[in-house]
Amino acid sequence: MHKVETLKFRGPLKALIIGAGIVIGGAIFVMGLSEGEVLVTAITGILVIGLSCAIVVLPKLETSTDGRQLVLNLSPVKRYIFNLSELESIQPTTINAASYGGIGLRFVPGTTGLIMKSGKGIELVHQGKRYVFSSDDPEKVLQELSVP
């Protein structure tokens, strides 16, 4: 498999999620100190901070191909494999993350979205199902797939 593109969360959303996790985790920790429940709330506070960091650090969308298959790996969540010969259509599109309910693996009626950000993306139809995924350079991805 040849990796065509890798996308990670970036920008203000990343800082907002980490910041919110630190504030909420810190508040839980401080509340535990004042109520004497230090161990339980310390662990909870640390878990909240760690989870908020993991939410923005771990996920990435890798787009790969070997000329016969397209692999979309939204790690560590889900991996989709499409045989290129079975694609009914594939084309560039514009993605509005809010219309999918945010970023990440999203399901709206009739569509599965692998959304890392609003902006450029690719839409494909496979076995009657519609998929959209974020891409910094949809034209390059389509060229790698040998799709005009």
C-alpha atoms as a PDB file:
ATOM      1  CA  MET A   1       0.000   0.000   0.000  1.00  0.00           C
ATOM      2  CA  HIS A   2       1.177   3.463  -0.910  1.00  0.00           C
ATOM      3  CA  LYS A   3       0.194   6.189   1.560  1.00  0.00           C
ATOM      4  CA  VAL A   4      -1.277   9.097  -0.398  1.00  0.00           C
ATOM      5  CA  GLU A   5      -2.204  11.464   2.408  1.00  0.00           C
ATOM      6  CA  THR A   6      -2.373  11.719   6.206  1.00  0.00           C
ATOM      7  CA  LEU A   7      -4.574  14.259   7.994  1.00  0.00           C
ATOM      8  CA  LYS A   8      -4.559  15.087  11.708  1.00  0.00           C
ATOM      9  CA  PHE A   9      -6.631  17.462  13.785  1.00  0.00           C
ATOM     10  CA  ARG A  10      -5.113  20.925  13.853  1.00  0.00           C
ATOM     11  CA  GLY A  11      -5.880  24.540  14.480  1.00  0.00           C
ATOM     12  CA  PRO A  12      -7.985  26.200  17.159  1.00  0.00           C
ATOM     13  CA  LEU A  13     -10.223  23.174  17.728  1.00  0.00           C
ATOM     14  CA  LYS A  14      -7.245  21.147  18.933  1.00  0.00           C
ATOM     15  CA  ALA A  15      -6.260  23.830  21.463  1.00  0.00           C
ATOM     16  CA  LEU A  16      -9.883  24.247  22.571  1.00  0.00           C
ATOM     17  CA  ILE A  17     -10.348  20.533  23.303  1.00  0.00           C
ATOM     18  CA  ILE A  18      -7.072  20.242  25.213  1.00  0.00           C
ATOM     19  CA  GLY A  19      -7.767  23.471  27.110  1.00  0.00           C
ATOM     20  CA  ALA A  20     -11.268  22.373  28.066  1.00  0.00           C
ATOM     21  CA  GLY A  21      -9.919  19.016  29.249  1.00  0.00           C
ATOM     22  CA  ILE A  22      -7.305  20.692  31.423  1.00  0.00           C
ATOM     23  CA  VAL A  23      -9.835  23.116  32.925  1.00  0.00           C
ATOM     24  CA  ILE A  24     -12.459  20.436  33.614  1.00  0.00           C
ATOM     25  CA  GLY A  25      -9.881  17.905  34.841  1.00  0.00           C
ATOM     26  CA  GLY A  26      -8.272  20.548  37.070  1.00  0.00           C
ATOM     27  CA  ALA A  27     -11.668  21.565  38.491  1.00  0.00           C
ATOM     28  CA  ILE A  28     -12.491  17.944  39.331  1.00  0.00           C
ATOM     29  CA  PHE A  29      -9.112  17.561  41.012  1.00  0.00           C
ATOM     30  CA  VAL A  30      -9.543  20.756  43.099  1.00  0.00           C
ATOM     31  CA  MET A  31     -13.090  19.782  44.119  1.00  0.00           C
ATOM     32  CA  GLY A  32     -11.724  16.466  45.343  1.00  0.00           C
ATOM     33  CA  LEU A  33      -9.106  18.213  47.480  1.00  0.00           C
ATOM     34  CA  SER A  34     -11.753  20.353  49.157  1.00  0.00           C
ATOM     35  CA  GLU A  35     -14.074  17.420  49.827  1.00  0.00           C
ATOM     36  CA  GLY A  36     -11.416  14.972  50.964  1.00  0.00           C
ATOM     37  CA  GLU A  37     -11.993  12.537  48.097  1.00  0.00           C
ATOM     38  CA  VAL A  38      -8.481  13.017  46.803  1.00  0.00           C
ATOM     39  CA  LEU A  39      -7.741   9.619  45.277  1.00  0.00           C
ATOM     40  CA  VAL A  40     -10.964   9.192  43.307  1.00  0.00           C
ATOM     41  CA  THR A  41     -11.108  12.751  42.011  1.00  0.00           C
ATOM     42  CA  ALA A  42      -7.379  12.897  41.309  1.00  0.00           C
ATOM     43  CA  ILE A  43      -7.693   9.812  39.106  1.00  0.00           C
ATOM     44  CA  THR A  44     -10.847  11.201  37.464  1.00  0.00           C
ATOM     45  CA  GLY A  45      -9.195  14.566  36.832  1.00  0.00           C
ATOM     46  CA  ILE A  46      -6.128  12.945  35.309  1.00  0.00           C
ATOM     47  CA  LEU A  47      -8.305  10.702  33.126  1.00  0.00           C
ATOM     48  CA  VAL A  48     -10.281  13.714  31.835  1.00  0.00           C
ATOM     49  CA  ILE A  49      -7.067  15.568  30.966  1.00  0.00           C
ATOM     50  CA  GLY A  50      -5.559  12.468  29.330  1.00  0.00           C
ATOM     51  CA  LEU A  51      -8.715  11.710  27.352  1.00  0.00           C
ATOM     52  CA  SER A  52      -8.967  15.266  26.035  1.00  0.00           C
ATOM     53  CA  CYS A  53      -5.357  15.088  24.853  1.00  0.00           C
ATOM     54  CA  ALA A  54      -5.873  11.645  23.296  1.00  0.00           C
ATOM     55  CA  ILE A  55      -8.951  12.873  21.415  1.00  0.00           C
ATOM     56  CA  VAL A  56      -6.839  15.341  19.436  1.00  0.00           C
ATOM     57  CA  VAL A  57      -3.476  13.563  19.326  1.00  0.00           C
ATOM     58  CA  LEU A  58      -4.418  10.004  18.335  1.00  0.00           C
ATOM     59  CA  PRO A  59      -6.944  10.320  15.508  1.00  0.00           C
ATOM     60  CA  LYS A  60      -5.606  10.594  11.986  1.00  0.00           C
ATOM     61  CA  LEU A  61      -7.021   9.826   8.579  1.00  0.00           C
ATOM     62  CA  GLU A  62      -4.656   7.941   6.296  1.00  0.00           C
ATOM     63  CA  THR A  63      -5.574   7.535   2.645  1.00  0.00           C
ATOM     64  CA  SER A  64      -3.688   4.722   0.884  1.00  0.00           C
ATOM     65  CA  THR A  65      -3.879   2.815  -2.383  1.00  0.00           C
ATOM     66  CA  ASP A  66      -2.160  -0.025  -4.191  1.00  0.00           C
ATOM     67  CA  GLY A  67      -3.824   0.729  -7.532  1.00  0.00           C
ATOM     68  CA  ARG A  68      -6.581  -1.807  -6.912  1.00  0.00           C
ATOM     69  CA  GLN A  69      -7.917  -0.692  -3.547  1.00  0.00           C
ATOM     70  CA  LEU A  70      -8.547   2.541  -1.682  1.00  0.00           C
ATOM     71  CA  VAL A  71      -7.980   2.284   2.066  1.00  0.00           C
ATOM     72  CA  LEU A  72      -9.334   4.929   4.434  1.00  0.00           C
ATOM     73  CA  ASN A  73      -7.956   4.359   7.911  1.00  0.00           C
ATOM     74  CA  LEU A  74      -9.398   6.652  10.578  1.00  0.00           C
ATOM     75  CA  SER A  75      -7.153   5.365  13.320  1.00  0.00           C
ATOM     76  CA  PRO A  76      -7.711   4.271  15.981  1.00  0.00           C
ATOM     77  CA  VAL A  77     -11.442   4.114  15.187  1.00  0.00           C
ATOM     78  CA  LYS A  78     -12.317   2.488  11.843  1.00  0.00           C
ATOM     79  CA  ARG A  79     -10.818   1.279   8.573  1.00  0.00           C
ATOM     80  CA  TYR A  80     -12.633   1.121   5.237  1.00  0.00           C
ATOM     81  CA  ILE A  81     -11.344  -0.790   2.203  1.00  0.00           C
ATOM     82  CA  PHE A  82     -12.855  -0.184  -1.238  1.00  0.00           C
ATOM     83  CA  ASN A  83     -12.057  -2.084  -4.434  1.00  0.00           C
ATOM     84  CA  LEU A  84     -11.545   0.634  -7.045  1.00  0.00           C
ATOM     85  CA  SER A  85     -13.307  -1.478  -9.688  1.00  0.00           C
ATOM     86  CA  GLU A  86     -16.460  -1.480  -7.523  1.00  0.00           C
ATOM     87  CA  LEU A  87     -16.695   2.302  -7.093  1.00  0.00           C
ATOM     88  CA  GLU A  88     -19.799   3.702  -8.747  1.00  0.00           C
ATOM     89  CA  SER A  89     -18.453   7.260  -8.573  1.00  0.00           C
ATOM     90  CA  ILE A  90     -15.680   9.262  -6.943  1.00  0.00           C
ATOM     91  CA  GLN A  91     -15.233  13.023  -7.139  1.00  0.00           C
ATOM     92  CA  PRO A  92     -13.976  16.072  -5.243  1.00  0.00           C
ATOM     93  CA  THR A  93     -16.457  17.768  -2.911  1.00  0.00           C
ATOM     94  CA  THR A  94     -16.645  20.448  -0.270  1.00  0.00           C
ATOM     95  CA  ILE A  95     -17.286  19.296   3.298  1.00  0.00           C
ATOM     96  CA  ASN A  96     -19.053  21.285   5.989  1.00  0.00           C
ATOM     97  CA  ALA A  97     -18.231  19.464   9.240  1.00  0.00           C
ATOM     98  CA  ALA A  98     -21.220  21.045  11.001  1.00  0.00           C
ATOM     99  CA  SER A  99     -23.628  19.366   8.565  1.00  0.00           C
ATOM    100  CA  TYR A 100     -22.231  16.011   9.735  1.00  0.00           C
ATOM    101  CA  GLY A 101     -22.452  16.911  13.424  1.00  0.00           C
ATOM    102  CA  GLY A 102     -18.739  17.656  13.830  1.00  0.00           C
ATOM    103  CA  ILE A 103     -15.481  15.918  13.158  1.00  0.00           C
ATOM    104  CA  GLY A 104     -14.505  12.251  13.359  1.00  0.00           C
ATOM    105  CA  LEU A 105     -16.454   9.229  12.128  1.00  0.00           C
ATOM    106  CA  ARG A 106     -19.918  10.580  11.359  1.00  0.00           C
ATOM    107  CA  PHE A 107     -23.143   9.028  10.158  1.00  0.00           C
ATOM    108  CA  VAL A 108     -25.962  11.043   8.630  1.00  0.00           C
ATOM    109  CA  PRO A 109     -28.849   9.520   6.691  1.00  0.00           C
ATOM    110  CA  GLY A 110     -27.423   8.042   3.516  1.00  0.00           C
ATOM    111  CA  THR A 111     -23.785   9.026   4.160  1.00  0.00           C
ATOM    112  CA  THR A 112     -20.794   7.929   6.206  1.00  0.00           C
ATOM    113  CA  GLY A 113     -18.280  10.698   6.839  1.00  0.00           C
ATOM    114  CA  LEU A 114     -14.638  10.501   7.853  1.00  0.00           C
ATOM    115  CA  ILE A 115     -14.362  14.171   8.714  1.00  0.00           C
ATOM    116  CA  MET A 116     -11.169  15.813   9.942  1.00  0.00           C
ATOM    117  CA  LYS A 117     -12.144  19.399   9.071  1.00  0.00           C
ATOM    118  CA  SER A 118     -14.414  21.510   6.927  1.00  0.00           C
ATOM    119  CA  GLY A 119     -13.174  22.259   3.432  1.00  0.00           C
ATOM    120  CA  LYS A 120     -11.879  20.053   0.645  1.00  0.00           C
ATOM    121  CA  GLY A 121     -12.830  16.423   0.473  1.00  0.00           C
ATOM    122  CA  ILE A 122     -13.801  13.482  -1.687  1.00  0.00           C
ATOM    123  CA  GLU A 123     -17.177  11.840  -2.148  1.00  0.00           C
ATOM    124  CA  LEU A 124     -17.491   8.267  -3.347  1.00  0.00           C
ATOM    125  CA  VAL A 125     -20.311   5.826  -3.878  1.00  0.00           C
ATOM    126  CA  HIS A 126     -19.654   2.143  -3.224  1.00  0.00           C
ATOM    127  CA  GLN A 127     -22.370  -0.518  -3.435  1.00  0.00           C
ATOM    128  CA  GLY A 128     -25.037   2.195  -3.321  1.00  0.00           C
ATOM    129  CA  LYS A 129     -23.648   3.796  -0.154  1.00  0.00           C
ATOM    130  CA  ARG A 130     -22.214   7.314  -0.081  1.00  0.00           C
ATOM    131  CA  TYR A 131     -18.971   8.112   1.762  1.00  0.00           C
ATOM    132  CA  VAL A 132     -17.211  11.449   2.177  1.00  0.00           C
ATOM    133  CA  PHE A 133     -13.753  12.033   3.589  1.00  0.00           C
ATOM    134  CA  SER A 134     -11.524  15.018   4.192  1.00  0.00           C
ATOM    135  CA  SER A 135      -8.558  15.642   1.933  1.00  0.00           C
ATOM    136  CA  ASP A 136      -6.033  18.490   1.697  1.00  0.00           C
ATOM    137  CA  ASP A 137      -5.513  17.726  -1.997  1.00  0.00           C
ATOM    138  CA  PRO A 138      -8.423  15.796  -3.567  1.00  0.00           C
ATOM    139  CA  GLU A 139      -7.000  16.176  -7.072  1.00  0.00           C
ATOM    140  CA  LYS A 140      -3.761  14.460  -5.992  1.00  0.00           C
ATOM    141  CA  VAL A 141      -5.689  11.620  -4.335  1.00  0.00           C
ATOM    142  CA  LEU A 142      -7.811  11.100  -7.456  1.00  0.00           C
ATOM    143  CA  GLN A 143      -4.669  11.167  -9.612  1.00  0.00           C
ATOM    144  CA  GLU A 144      -3.051   8.499  -7.396  1.00  0.00           C
ATOM    145  CA  LEU A 145      -6.174   6.398  -7.875  1.00  0.00           C
ATOM    146  CA  SER A 146      -5.953   6.984 -11.642  1.00  0.00           C
ATOM    147  CA  VAL A 147      -9.390   8.577 -11.626  1.00  0.00           C
ATOM    148  CA  PRO A 148      -9.850  11.518 -14.041  1.00  0.00           C
END
